[in-house]
């Protein structure tokens, strides 16, 4: 499982336009092959987009595809500076049932569940 983080700061006065664009993209990303999670986080003018993918190949298909390119072209003029994007392999996650299929789940001595990425 792999996660992509997209973050940046919206220019003052561009908040509504930027949020409209970003919300559209959350809706467009989630149905893509392998997308397990699509989120948009905000505090003040700072934005973080999170998408989690079943495989590295699914993430690469998105990152190299038209949807990601269009997002960058539409959102960049609304941000202060260039948005930053980073991709990570998920090593451990405590998550909802829909994501659990990518993990083996072990019960710890205290009764909590721990998930380990399946190889």
PDB file of N, CA and C in Angstrom:
ATOM      1  N   UNK A   1       0.855  -1.163   0.000  1.00  0.00           N
ATOM      2  CA  UNK A   1       0.000   0.000   0.000  1.00  0.00           C
ATOM      3  C   UNK A   1       0.903   1.229   0.000  1.00  0.00           C
ATOM      4  N   UNK A   2       0.466   2.254  -0.731  1.00  0.00           N
ATOM      5  CA  UNK A   2       1.257   3.476  -0.870  1.00  0.00           C
ATOM      6  C   UNK A   2       0.353   4.696  -0.712  1.00  0.00           C
ATOM      7  N   UNK A   3       0.912   5.750  -0.124  1.00  0.00           N
ATOM      8  CA  UNK A   3       0.172   6.985   0.097  1.00  0.00           C
ATOM      9  C   UNK A   3       0.900   8.146  -0.558  1.00  0.00           C
ATOM     10  N   UNK A   4       0.117   9.026  -1.148  1.00  0.00           N
ATOM     11  CA  UNK A   4       0.643  10.231  -1.783  1.00  0.00           C
ATOM     12  C   UNK A   4       0.103  11.426  -1.018  1.00  0.00           C
ATOM     13  N   UNK A   5       1.012  12.324  -0.622  1.00  0.00           N
ATOM     14  CA  UNK A   5       0.641  13.559   0.061  1.00  0.00           C
ATOM     15  C   UNK A   5       0.884  14.730  -0.878  1.00  0.00           C
ATOM     16  N   UNK A   6      -0.077  15.597  -0.942  1.00  0.00           N
ATOM     17  CA  UNK A   6      -0.030  16.791  -1.771  1.00  0.00           C
ATOM     18  C   UNK A   6      -0.296  17.953  -0.827  1.00  0.00           C
ATOM     19  N   UNK A   7       0.608  18.919  -0.753  1.00  0.00           N
ATOM     20  CA  UNK A   7       0.342  20.015   0.169  1.00  0.00           C
ATOM     21  C   UNK A   7       0.855  21.339  -0.356  1.00  0.00           C
ATOM     22  N   UNK A   8       0.194  22.392   0.152  1.00  0.00           N
ATOM     23  CA  UNK A   8       0.551  23.739  -0.244  1.00  0.00           C
ATOM     24  C   UNK A   8      -0.298  24.741   0.511  1.00  0.00           C
ATOM     25  N   UNK A   9      -0.076  26.007   0.198  1.00  0.00           N
ATOM     26  CA  UNK A   9      -0.795  27.099   0.855  1.00  0.00           C
ATOM     27  C   UNK A   9      -1.566  27.889  -0.196  1.00  0.00           C
ATOM     28  N   UNK A  10      -2.852  28.048   0.043  1.00  0.00           N
ATOM     29  CA  UNK A  10      -3.718  28.776  -0.876  1.00  0.00           C
ATOM     30  C   UNK A  10      -3.456  30.277  -0.736  1.00  0.00           C
ATOM     31  N   UNK A  11      -3.414  30.974  -1.862  1.00  0.00           N
ATOM     32  CA  UNK A  11      -3.265  32.430  -1.845  1.00  0.00           C
ATOM     33  C   UNK A  11      -4.497  33.067  -1.193  1.00  0.00           C
ATOM     34  N   UNK A  12      -4.282  34.118  -0.453  1.00  0.00           N
ATOM     35  CA  UNK A  12      -5.382  34.865   0.152  1.00  0.00           C
ATOM     36  C   UNK A  12      -6.323  35.338  -0.949  1.00  0.00           C
ATOM     37  N   UNK A  13      -7.599  35.159  -0.721  1.00  0.00           N
ATOM     38  CA  UNK A  13      -8.602  35.553  -1.695  1.00  0.00           C
ATOM     39  C   UNK A  13      -8.936  34.478  -2.723  1.00  0.00           C
ATOM     40  N   UNK A  14      -8.207  33.380  -2.716  1.00  0.00           N
ATOM     41  CA  UNK A  14      -8.426  32.307  -3.693  1.00  0.00           C
ATOM     42  C   UNK A  14      -8.985  31.050  -3.025  1.00  0.00           C
ATOM     43  N   UNK A  15      -9.364  31.148  -1.743  1.00  0.00           N
ATOM     44  CA  UNK A  15      -9.755  29.978  -0.970  1.00  0.00           C
ATOM     45  C   UNK A  15     -10.930  29.217  -1.574  1.00  0.00           C
ATOM     46  N   UNK A  16     -12.014  29.926  -1.890  1.00  0.00           N
ATOM     47  CA  UNK A  16     -13.216  29.250  -2.395  1.00  0.00           C
ATOM     48  C   UNK A  16     -12.950  28.553  -3.723  1.00  0.00           C
ATOM     49  N   UNK A  17     -12.243  29.233  -4.616  1.00  0.00           N
ATOM     50  CA  UNK A  17     -11.922  28.640  -5.915  1.00  0.00           C
ATOM     51  C   UNK A  17     -11.032  27.406  -5.741  1.00  0.00           C
ATOM     52  N   UNK A  18     -10.024  27.511  -4.898  1.00  0.00           N
ATOM     53  CA  UNK A  18      -9.106  26.394  -4.679  1.00  0.00           C
ATOM     54  C   UNK A  18      -9.829  25.203  -4.054  1.00  0.00           C
ATOM     55  N   UNK A  19     -10.663  25.457  -3.065  1.00  0.00           N
ATOM     56  CA  UNK A  19     -11.392  24.361  -2.424  1.00  0.00           C
ATOM     57  C   UNK A  19     -12.362  23.694  -3.391  1.00  0.00           C
ATOM     58  N   UNK A  20     -12.971  24.459  -4.274  1.00  0.00           N
ATOM     59  CA  UNK A  20     -13.860  23.872  -5.280  1.00  0.00           C
ATOM     60  C   UNK A  20     -13.076  22.934  -6.201  1.00  0.00           C
ATOM     61  N   UNK A  21     -11.904  23.374  -6.653  1.00  0.00           N
ATOM     62  CA  UNK A  21     -11.065  22.541  -7.515  1.00  0.00           C
ATOM     63  C   UNK A  21     -10.640  21.284  -6.772  1.00  0.00           C
ATOM     64  N   UNK A  22     -10.166  21.439  -5.551  1.00  0.00           N
ATOM     65  CA  UNK A  22      -9.669  20.294  -4.785  1.00  0.00           C
ATOM     66  C   UNK A  22     -10.779  19.296  -4.469  1.00  0.00           C
ATOM     67  N   UNK A  23     -11.949  19.786  -4.128  1.00  0.00           N
ATOM     68  CA  UNK A  23     -13.070  18.883  -3.851  1.00  0.00           C
ATOM     69  C   UNK A  23     -13.475  18.095  -5.094  1.00  0.00           C
ATOM     70  N   UNK A  24     -13.422  18.732  -6.256  1.00  0.00           N
ATOM     71  CA  UNK A  24     -13.702  18.022  -7.505  1.00  0.00           C
ATOM     72  C   UNK A  24     -12.706  16.882  -7.699  1.00  0.00           C
ATOM     73  N   UNK A  25     -11.457  17.149  -7.384  1.00  0.00           N
ATOM     74  CA  UNK A  25     -10.437  16.129  -7.599  1.00  0.00           C
ATOM     75  C   UNK A  25     -10.535  14.978  -6.614  1.00  0.00           C
ATOM     76  N   UNK A  26     -10.945  15.238  -5.394  1.00  0.00           N
ATOM     77  CA  UNK A  26     -11.170  14.137  -4.452  1.00  0.00           C
ATOM     78  C   UNK A  26     -12.207  13.190  -5.050  1.00  0.00           C
ATOM     79  N   UNK A  27     -13.269  13.755  -5.620  1.00  0.00           N
ATOM     80  CA  UNK A  27     -14.319  12.940  -6.232  1.00  0.00           C
ATOM     81  C   UNK A  27     -13.808  12.184  -7.457  1.00  0.00           C
ATOM     82  N   UNK A  28     -12.894  12.757  -8.203  1.00  0.00           N
ATOM     83  CA  UNK A  28     -12.363  12.116  -9.420  1.00  0.00           C
ATOM     84  C   UNK A  28     -11.294  11.072  -9.107  1.00  0.00           C
ATOM     85  N   UNK A  29     -10.558  11.252  -8.027  1.00  0.00           N
ATOM     86  CA  UNK A  29      -9.475  10.332  -7.686  1.00  0.00           C
ATOM     87  C   UNK A  29     -10.022   9.045  -7.082  1.00  0.00           C
ATOM     88  N   UNK A  30     -10.984   9.137  -6.198  1.00  0.00           N
ATOM     89  CA  UNK A  30     -11.460   7.961  -5.453  1.00  0.00           C
ATOM     90  C   UNK A  30     -11.885   6.805  -6.351  1.00  0.00           C
ATOM     91  N   UNK A  31     -12.566   7.033  -7.476  1.00  0.00           N
ATOM     92  CA  UNK A  31     -12.973   5.883  -8.300  1.00  0.00           C
ATOM     93  C   UNK A  31     -11.846   5.255  -9.133  1.00  0.00           C
ATOM     94  N   UNK A  32     -10.673   5.855  -9.154  1.00  0.00           N
ATOM     95  CA  UNK A  32      -9.584   5.316  -9.960  1.00  0.00           C
ATOM     96  C   UNK A  32      -9.136   3.959  -9.431  1.00  0.00           C
ATOM     97  N   UNK A  33      -8.638   3.129 -10.346  1.00  0.00           N
ATOM     98  CA  UNK A  33      -8.209   1.775  -9.986  1.00  0.00           C
ATOM     99  C   UNK A  33      -7.196   1.808  -8.839  1.00  0.00           C
ATOM    100  N   UNK A  34      -7.490   1.058  -7.786  1.00  0.00           N
ATOM    101  CA  UNK A  34      -6.573   0.906  -6.671  1.00  0.00           C
ATOM    102  C   UNK A  34      -6.654   1.975  -5.601  1.00  0.00           C
ATOM    103  N   UNK A  35      -7.468   3.002  -5.793  1.00  0.00           N
ATOM    104  CA  UNK A  35      -7.556   4.061  -4.777  1.00  0.00           C
ATOM    105  C   UNK A  35      -8.409   3.582  -3.613  1.00  0.00           C
ATOM    106  N   UNK A  36      -7.804   3.546  -2.435  1.00  0.00           N
ATOM    107  CA  UNK A  36      -8.493   3.108  -1.223  1.00  0.00           C
ATOM    108  C   UNK A  36      -9.037   4.278  -0.422  1.00  0.00           C
ATOM    109  N   UNK A  37      -8.384   5.430  -0.560  1.00  0.00           N
ATOM    110  CA  UNK A  37      -8.720   6.582   0.274  1.00  0.00           C
ATOM    111  C   UNK A  37      -8.354   7.858  -0.467  1.00  0.00           C
ATOM    112  N   UNK A  38      -9.239   8.841  -0.416  1.00  0.00           N
ATOM    113  CA  UNK A  38      -8.946  10.173  -0.948  1.00  0.00           C
ATOM    114  C   UNK A  38      -9.476  11.172   0.073  1.00  0.00           C
ATOM    115  N   UNK A  39      -8.586  12.022   0.579  1.00  0.00           N
ATOM    116  CA  UNK A  39      -8.966  12.985   1.618  1.00  0.00           C
ATOM    117  C   UNK A  39      -8.425  14.364   1.280  1.00  0.00           C
ATOM    118  N   UNK A  40      -9.117  15.376   1.782  1.00  0.00           N
ATOM    119  CA  UNK A  40      -8.670  16.757   1.695  1.00  0.00           C
ATOM    120  C   UNK A  40      -8.701  17.322   3.112  1.00  0.00           C
ATOM    121  N   UNK A  41      -7.547  17.785   3.585  1.00  0.00           N
ATOM    122  CA  UNK A  41      -7.430  18.363   4.925  1.00  0.00           C
ATOM    123  C   UNK A  41      -7.115  19.846   4.794  1.00  0.00           C
ATOM    124  N   UNK A  42      -7.596  20.640   5.761  1.00  0.00           N
ATOM    125  CA  UNK A  42      -7.342  22.080   5.727  1.00  0.00           C
ATOM    126  C   UNK A  42      -7.187  22.624   7.132  1.00  0.00           C
ATOM    127  N   UNK A  43      -6.229  23.521   7.281  1.00  0.00           N
ATOM    128  CA  UNK A  43      -6.128  24.364   8.463  1.00  0.00           C
ATOM    129  C   UNK A  43      -5.718  25.736   7.956  1.00  0.00           C
ATOM    130  N   UNK A  44      -6.567  26.719   8.180  1.00  0.00           N
ATOM    131  CA  UNK A  44      -6.298  28.040   7.628  1.00  0.00           C
ATOM    132  C   UNK A  44      -6.211  27.941   6.112  1.00  0.00           C
ATOM    133  N   UNK A  45      -5.120  28.462   5.546  1.00  0.00           N
ATOM    134  CA  UNK A  45      -4.918  28.393   4.104  1.00  0.00           C
ATOM    135  C   UNK A  45      -4.051  27.205   3.692  1.00  0.00           C
ATOM    136  N   UNK A  46      -3.631  26.389   4.654  1.00  0.00           N
ATOM    137  CA  UNK A  46      -2.819  25.216   4.339  1.00  0.00           C
ATOM    138  C   UNK A  46      -3.712  24.038   3.974  1.00  0.00           C
ATOM    139  N   UNK A  47      -3.326  23.357   2.904  1.00  0.00           N
ATOM    140  CA  UNK A  47      -4.086  22.235   2.370  1.00  0.00           C
ATOM    141  C   UNK A  47      -3.190  21.004   2.304  1.00  0.00           C
ATOM    142  N   UNK A  48      -3.765  19.865   2.652  1.00  0.00           N
ATOM    143  CA  UNK A  48      -3.091  18.586   2.455  1.00  0.00           C
ATOM    144  C   UNK A  48      -4.095  17.658   1.762  1.00  0.00           C
ATOM    145  N   UNK A  49      -3.672  17.082   0.658  1.00  0.00           N
ATOM    146  CA  UNK A  49      -4.458  16.057  -0.022  1.00  0.00           C
ATOM    147  C   UNK A  49      -3.778  14.724   0.236  1.00  0.00           C
ATOM    148  N   UNK A  50      -4.562  13.718   0.572  1.00  0.00           N
ATOM    149  CA  UNK A  50      -4.019  12.395   0.858  1.00  0.00           C
ATOM    150  C   UNK A  50      -4.757  11.384  -0.011  1.00  0.00           C
ATOM    151  N   UNK A  51      -3.990  10.580  -0.711  1.00  0.00           N
ATOM    152  CA  UNK A  51      -4.596   9.456  -1.420  1.00  0.00           C
ATOM    153  C   UNK A  51      -3.782   8.212  -1.095  1.00  0.00           C
ATOM    154  N   UNK A  52      -4.481   7.112  -0.863  1.00  0.00           N
ATOM    155  CA  UNK A  52      -3.833   5.858  -0.528  1.00  0.00           C
ATOM    156  C   UNK A  52      -4.233   4.833  -1.584  1.00  0.00           C
ATOM    157  N   UNK A  53      -3.225   4.072  -2.036  1.00  0.00           N
ATOM    158  CA  UNK A  53      -3.369   3.185  -3.186  1.00  0.00           C
ATOM    159  C   UNK A  53      -2.991   1.756  -2.820  1.00  0.00           C
ATOM    160  N   UNK A  54      -3.671   0.792  -3.429  1.00  0.00           N
ATOM    161  CA  UNK A  54      -3.404  -0.616  -3.155  1.00  0.00           C
ATOM    162  C   UNK A  54      -1.968  -0.999  -3.499  1.00  0.00           C
ATOM    163  N   UNK A  55      -1.480  -0.530  -4.656  1.00  0.00           N
ATOM    164  CA  UNK A  55      -0.147  -0.916  -5.105  1.00  0.00           C
ATOM    165  C   UNK A  55       0.652   0.305  -5.556  1.00  0.00           C
ATOM    166  N   UNK A  56       1.948   0.113  -5.631  1.00  0.00           N
ATOM    167  CA  UNK A  56       2.839   1.157  -6.150  1.00  0.00           C
ATOM    168  C   UNK A  56       2.479   1.469  -7.603  1.00  0.00           C
ATOM    169  N   UNK A  57       2.086   0.457  -8.343  1.00  0.00           N
ATOM    170  CA  UNK A  57       1.714   0.642  -9.748  1.00  0.00           C
ATOM    171  C   UNK A  57       0.440   1.474  -9.885  1.00  0.00           C
ATOM    172  N   UNK A  58      -0.530   1.250  -8.993  1.00  0.00           N
ATOM    173  CA  UNK A  58      -1.756   2.063  -9.017  1.00  0.00           C
ATOM    174  C   UNK A  58      -1.426   3.527  -8.742  1.00  0.00           C
ATOM    175  N   UNK A  59      -0.574   3.770  -7.757  1.00  0.00           N
ATOM    176  CA  UNK A  59      -0.156   5.136  -7.447  1.00  0.00           C
ATOM    177  C   UNK A  59       0.563   5.754  -8.640  1.00  0.00           C
ATOM    178  N   UNK A  60       1.472   5.000  -9.249  1.00  0.00           N
ATOM    179  CA  UNK A  60       2.224   5.524 -10.397  1.00  0.00           C
ATOM    180  C   UNK A  60       1.290   5.845 -11.560  1.00  0.00           C
ATOM    181  N   UNK A  61       0.295   4.998 -11.793  1.00  0.00           N
ATOM    182  CA  UNK A  61      -0.661   5.256 -12.875  1.00  0.00           C
ATOM    183  C   UNK A  61      -1.401   6.563 -12.629  1.00  0.00           C
ATOM    184  N   UNK A  62      -1.799   6.803 -11.387  1.00  0.00           N
ATOM    185  CA  UNK A  62      -2.443   8.071 -11.053  1.00  0.00           C
ATOM    186  C   UNK A  62      -1.463   9.238 -11.200  1.00  0.00           C
ATOM    187  N   UNK A  63      -0.297   9.125 -10.584  1.00  0.00           N
ATOM    188  CA  UNK A  63       0.673  10.227 -10.559  1.00  0.00           C
ATOM    189  C   UNK A  63       1.128  10.628 -11.957  1.00  0.00           C
ATOM    190  N   UNK A  64       1.205   9.668 -12.863  1.00  0.00           N
ATOM    191  CA  UNK A  64       1.648   9.939 -14.228  1.00  0.00           C
ATOM    192  C   UNK A  64       0.490  10.190 -15.188  1.00  0.00           C
ATOM    193  N   UNK A  65      -0.724  10.182 -14.656  1.00  0.00           N
ATOM    194  CA  UNK A  65      -1.905  10.267 -15.512  1.00  0.00           C
ATOM    195  C   UNK A  65      -2.480  11.666 -15.667  1.00  0.00           C
ATOM    196  N   UNK A  66      -3.536  11.725 -16.443  1.00  0.00           N
ATOM    197  CA  UNK A  66      -4.182  12.992 -16.778  1.00  0.00           C
ATOM    198  C   UNK A  66      -4.818  13.689 -15.579  1.00  0.00           C
ATOM    199  N   UNK A  67      -5.395  12.919 -14.655  1.00  0.00           N
ATOM    200  CA  UNK A  67      -6.078  13.538 -13.511  1.00  0.00           C
ATOM    201  C   UNK A  67      -5.079  14.323 -12.659  1.00  0.00           C
ATOM    202  N   UNK A  68      -3.934  13.737 -12.343  1.00  0.00           N
ATOM    203  CA  UNK A  68      -2.921  14.430 -11.531  1.00  0.00           C
ATOM    204  C   UNK A  68      -2.358  15.635 -12.282  1.00  0.00           C
ATOM    205  N   UNK A  69      -2.111  15.485 -13.575  1.00  0.00           N
ATOM    206  CA  UNK A  69      -1.595  16.618 -14.370  1.00  0.00           C
ATOM    207  C   UNK A  69      -2.585  17.768 -14.392  1.00  0.00           C
ATOM    208  N   UNK A  70      -3.860  17.441 -14.563  1.00  0.00           N
ATOM    209  CA  UNK A  70      -4.880  18.485 -14.584  1.00  0.00           C
ATOM    210  C   UNK A  70      -4.986  19.175 -13.227  1.00  0.00           C
ATOM    211  N   UNK A  71      -4.905  18.395 -12.149  1.00  0.00           N
ATOM    212  CA  UNK A  71      -4.937  18.996 -10.817  1.00  0.00           C
ATOM    213  C   UNK A  71      -3.823  20.022 -10.669  1.00  0.00           C
ATOM    214  N   UNK A  72      -2.600  19.639 -11.020  1.00  0.00           N
ATOM    215  CA  UNK A  72      -1.471  20.565 -10.893  1.00  0.00           C
ATOM    216  C   UNK A  72      -1.677  21.817 -11.737  1.00  0.00           C
ATOM    217  N   UNK A  73      -2.161  21.647 -12.950  1.00  0.00           N
ATOM    218  CA  UNK A  73      -2.329  22.814 -13.817  1.00  0.00           C
ATOM    219  C   UNK A  73      -3.431  23.741 -13.322  1.00  0.00           C
ATOM    220  N   UNK A  74      -4.476  23.185 -12.713  1.00  0.00           N
ATOM    221  CA  UNK A  74      -5.573  24.023 -12.230  1.00  0.00           C
ATOM    222  C   UNK A  74      -5.302  24.630 -10.850  1.00  0.00           C
ATOM    223  N   UNK A  75      -4.579  23.909  -9.981  1.00  0.00           N
ATOM    224  CA  UNK A  75      -4.403  24.387  -8.608  1.00  0.00           C
ATOM    225  C   UNK A  75      -3.174  25.268  -8.444  1.00  0.00           C
ATOM    226  N   UNK A  76      -2.149  25.057  -9.237  1.00  0.00           N
ATOM    227  CA  UNK A  76      -0.901  25.817  -9.068  1.00  0.00           C
ATOM    228  C   UNK A  76      -1.098  27.329  -9.069  1.00  0.00           C
ATOM    229  N   UNK A  77      -1.912  27.896  -9.965  1.00  0.00           N
ATOM    230  CA  UNK A  77      -2.090  29.359  -9.942  1.00  0.00           C
ATOM    231  C   UNK A  77      -2.800  29.881  -8.689  1.00  0.00           C
ATOM    232  N   UNK A  78      -3.428  28.985  -7.930  1.00  0.00           N
ATOM    233  CA  UNK A  78      -4.178  29.390  -6.734  1.00  0.00           C
ATOM    234  C   UNK A  78      -3.362  29.242  -5.458  1.00  0.00           C
ATOM    235  N   UNK A  79      -2.191  28.625  -5.567  1.00  0.00           N
ATOM    236  CA  UNK A  79      -1.325  28.386  -4.418  1.00  0.00           C
ATOM    237  C   UNK A  79      -0.203  29.405  -4.371  1.00  0.00           C
ATOM    238  N   UNK A  80       0.323  29.636  -3.174  1.00  0.00           N
ATOM    239  CA  UNK A  80       1.529  30.454  -3.018  1.00  0.00           C
ATOM    240  C   UNK A  80       2.708  29.522  -3.275  1.00  0.00           C
ATOM    241  N   UNK A  81       3.346  29.700  -4.404  1.00  0.00           N
ATOM    242  CA  UNK A  81       4.431  28.794  -4.768  1.00  0.00           C
ATOM    243  C   UNK A  81       3.884  27.500  -5.326  1.00  0.00           C
ATOM    244  N   UNK A  82       4.787  26.626  -5.629  1.00  0.00           N
ATOM    245  CA  UNK A  82       4.436  25.335  -6.234  1.00  0.00           C
ATOM    246  C   UNK A  82       3.998  24.345  -5.152  1.00  0.00           C
ATOM    247  N   UNK A  83       2.895  23.606  -5.392  1.00  0.00           N
ATOM    248  CA  UNK A  83       2.490  22.572  -4.432  1.00  0.00           C
ATOM    249  C   UNK A  83       3.588  21.507  -4.303  1.00  0.00           C
ATOM    250  N   UNK A  84       3.672  20.894  -3.157  1.00  0.00           N
ATOM    251  CA  UNK A  84       4.647  19.841  -2.895  1.00  0.00           C
ATOM    252  C   UNK A  84       3.936  18.499  -2.896  1.00  0.00           C
ATOM    253  N   UNK A  85       4.571  17.504  -3.489  1.00  0.00           N
ATOM    254  CA  UNK A  85       4.002  16.160  -3.538  1.00  0.00           C
ATOM    255  C   UNK A  85       5.069  15.174  -3.088  1.00  0.00           C
ATOM    256  N   UNK A  86       4.677  14.238  -2.228  1.00  0.00           N
ATOM    257  CA  UNK A  86       5.562  13.178  -1.765  1.00  0.00           C
ATOM    258  C   UNK A  86       4.767  11.876  -1.743  1.00  0.00           C
ATOM    259  N   UNK A  87       5.435  10.785  -2.078  1.00  0.00           N
ATOM    260  CA  UNK A  87       4.810   9.465  -2.024  1.00  0.00           C
ATOM    261  C   UNK A  87       5.565   8.602  -1.034  1.00  0.00           C
ATOM    262  N   UNK A  88       4.810   7.761  -0.323  1.00  0.00           N
ATOM    263  CA  UNK A  88       5.384   6.927   0.729  1.00  0.00           C
ATOM    264  C   UNK A  88       4.805   5.527   0.659  1.00  0.00           C
ATOM    265  N   UNK A  89       5.614   4.545   1.018  1.00  0.00           N
ATOM    266  CA  UNK A  89       5.097   3.201   1.224  1.00  0.00           C
ATOM    267  C   UNK A  89       4.546   3.151   2.645  1.00  0.00           C
ATOM    268  N   UNK A  90       3.347   2.627   2.796  1.00  0.00           N
ATOM    269  CA  UNK A  90       2.735   2.507   4.114  1.00  0.00           C
ATOM    270  C   UNK A  90       3.339   1.288   4.803  1.00  0.00           C
ATOM    271  N   UNK A  91       3.931   1.495   5.956  1.00  0.00           N
ATOM    272  CA  UNK A  91       4.543   0.413   6.720  1.00  0.00           C
ATOM    273  C   UNK A  91       3.616  -0.112   7.809  1.00  0.00           C
ATOM    274  N   UNK A  92       2.770   0.748   8.318  1.00  0.00           N
ATOM    275  CA  UNK A  92       1.828   0.338   9.362  1.00  0.00           C
ATOM    276  C   UNK A  92       0.686   1.326   9.365  1.00  0.00           C
ATOM    277  N   UNK A  93      -0.512   0.819   9.609  1.00  0.00           N
ATOM    278  CA  UNK A  93      -1.685   1.677   9.620  1.00  0.00           C
ATOM    279  C   UNK A  93      -2.731   1.092  10.548  1.00  0.00           C
ATOM    280  N   UNK A  94      -3.411   1.929  11.249  1.00  0.00           N
ATOM    281  CA  UNK A  94      -4.607   1.551  11.997  1.00  0.00           C
ATOM    282  C   UNK A  94      -5.747   2.219  11.258  1.00  0.00           C
ATOM    283  N   UNK A  95      -6.607   1.420  10.640  1.00  0.00           N
ATOM    284  CA  UNK A  95      -7.551   1.993   9.701  1.00  0.00           C
ATOM    285  C   UNK A  95      -8.906   1.306   9.752  1.00  0.00           C
ATOM    286  N   UNK A  96      -9.801   1.796   8.932  1.00  0.00           N
ATOM    287  CA  UNK A  96     -11.148   1.259   8.826  1.00  0.00           C
ATOM    288  C   UNK A  96     -11.156  -0.045   8.037  1.00  0.00           C
ATOM    289  N   UNK A  97     -12.234  -0.758   8.114  1.00  0.00           N
ATOM    290  CA  UNK A  97     -12.392  -2.073   7.503  1.00  0.00           C
ATOM    291  C   UNK A  97     -12.102  -2.074   6.001  1.00  0.00           C
ATOM    292  N   UNK A  98     -12.477  -1.027   5.269  1.00  0.00           N
ATOM    293  CA  UNK A  98     -12.313  -1.011   3.815  1.00  0.00           C
ATOM    294  C   UNK A  98     -10.852  -1.101   3.392  1.00  0.00           C
ATOM    295  N   UNK A  99      -9.946  -0.694   4.237  1.00  0.00           N
ATOM    296  CA  UNK A  99      -8.533  -0.695   3.885  1.00  0.00           C
ATOM    297  C   UNK A  99      -7.843  -1.961   4.377  1.00  0.00           C
ATOM    298  N   UNK A 100      -8.453  -2.692   5.265  1.00  0.00           N
ATOM    299  CA  UNK A 100      -7.807  -3.825   5.912  1.00  0.00           C
ATOM    300  C   UNK A 100      -7.391  -4.946   4.966  1.00  0.00           C
ATOM    301  N   UNK A 101      -7.994  -5.032   3.785  1.00  0.00           N
ATOM    302  CA  UNK A 101      -7.660  -6.133   2.888  1.00  0.00           C
ATOM    303  C   UNK A 101      -6.192  -6.105   2.464  1.00  0.00           C
ATOM    304  N   UNK A 102      -5.502  -4.978   2.603  1.00  0.00           N
ATOM    305  CA  UNK A 102      -4.085  -4.876   2.244  1.00  0.00           C
ATOM    306  C   UNK A 102      -3.167  -5.270   3.392  1.00  0.00           C
ATOM    307  N   UNK A 103      -3.738  -5.638   4.523  1.00  0.00           N
ATOM    308  CA  UNK A 103      -2.946  -5.923   5.711  1.00  0.00           C
ATOM    309  C   UNK A 103      -3.294  -7.283   6.283  1.00  0.00           C
ATOM    310  N   UNK A 104      -2.345  -7.845   7.008  1.00  0.00           N
ATOM    311  CA  UNK A 104      -2.695  -8.947   7.900  1.00  0.00           C
ATOM    312  C   UNK A 104      -2.927  -8.291   9.256  1.00  0.00           C
ATOM    313  N   UNK A 105      -3.906  -8.765   9.965  1.00  0.00           N
ATOM    314  CA  UNK A 105      -4.285  -8.140  11.226  1.00  0.00           C
ATOM    315  C   UNK A 105      -3.951  -9.086  12.375  1.00  0.00           C
ATOM    316  N   UNK A 106      -3.234  -8.571  13.363  1.00  0.00           N
ATOM    317  CA  UNK A 106      -2.880  -9.328  14.556  1.00  0.00           C
ATOM    318  C   UNK A 106      -3.487  -8.640  15.765  1.00  0.00           C
ATOM    319  N   UNK A 107      -3.946  -9.428  16.719  1.00  0.00           N
ATOM    320  CA  UNK A 107      -4.447  -8.859  17.954  1.00  0.00           C
ATOM    321  C   UNK A 107      -3.308  -8.820  18.964  1.00  0.00           C
ATOM    322  N   UNK A 108      -3.075  -7.635  19.528  1.00  0.00           N
ATOM    323  CA  UNK A 108      -2.014  -7.445  20.509  1.00  0.00           C
ATOM    324  C   UNK A 108      -2.499  -7.906  21.883  1.00  0.00           C
ATOM    325  N   UNK A 109      -1.559  -8.141  22.824  1.00  0.00           N
ATOM    326  CA  UNK A 109      -1.953  -8.602  24.165  1.00  0.00           C
ATOM    327  C   UNK A 109      -2.978  -7.699  24.854  1.00  0.00           C
ATOM    328  N   UNK A 110      -2.965  -6.401  24.563  1.00  0.00           N
ATOM    329  CA  UNK A 110      -3.913  -5.495  25.223  1.00  0.00           C
ATOM    330  C   UNK A 110      -5.286  -5.482  24.520  1.00  0.00           C
ATOM    331  N   UNK A 111      -5.443  -6.307  23.462  1.00  0.00           N
ATOM    332  CA  UNK A 111      -6.720  -6.410  22.791  1.00  0.00           C
ATOM    333  C   UNK A 111      -6.846  -5.522  21.563  1.00  0.00           C
ATOM    334  N   UNK A 112      -5.927  -4.599  21.351  1.00  0.00           N
ATOM    335  CA  UNK A 112      -6.003  -3.750  20.168  1.00  0.00           C
ATOM    336  C   UNK A 112      -5.525  -4.528  18.947  1.00  0.00           C
ATOM    337  N   UNK A 113      -5.908  -4.038  17.784  1.00  0.00           N
ATOM    338  CA  UNK A 113      -5.503  -4.683  16.535  1.00  0.00           C
ATOM    339  C   UNK A 113      -4.322  -3.942  15.945  1.00  0.00           C
ATOM    340  N   UNK A 114      -3.389  -4.693  15.397  1.00  0.00           N
ATOM    341  CA  UNK A 114      -2.234  -4.137  14.718  1.00  0.00           C
ATOM    342  C   UNK A 114      -2.213  -4.695  13.312  1.00  0.00           C
ATOM    343  N   UNK A 115      -1.973  -3.830  12.336  1.00  0.00           N
ATOM    344  CA  UNK A 115      -1.977  -4.251  10.938  1.00  0.00           C
ATOM    345  C   UNK A 115      -0.563  -4.207  10.384  1.00  0.00           C
ATOM    346  N   UNK A 116      -0.237  -5.205   9.594  1.00  0.00           N
ATOM    347  CA  UNK A 116       1.069  -5.287   8.965  1.00  0.00           C
ATOM    348  C   UNK A 116       0.844  -5.437   7.467  1.00  0.00           C
ATOM    349  N   UNK A 117       1.559  -4.664   6.651  1.00  0.00           N
ATOM    350  CA  UNK A 117       1.396  -4.728   5.205  1.00  0.00           C
ATOM    351  C   UNK A 117       1.716  -6.136   4.716  1.00  0.00           C
ATOM    352  N   UNK A 118       0.800  -6.697   3.910  1.00  0.00           N
ATOM    353  CA  UNK A 118       1.021  -8.016   3.320  1.00  0.00           C
ATOM    354  C   UNK A 118       2.078  -7.887   2.240  1.00  0.00           C
ATOM    355  N   UNK A 119       2.957  -8.839   2.163  1.00  0.00           N
ATOM    356  CA  UNK A 119       3.967  -8.842   1.101  1.00  0.00           C
ATOM    357  C   UNK A 119       3.508  -9.603  -0.096  1.00  0.00           C
TER     358      UNK A 119
END
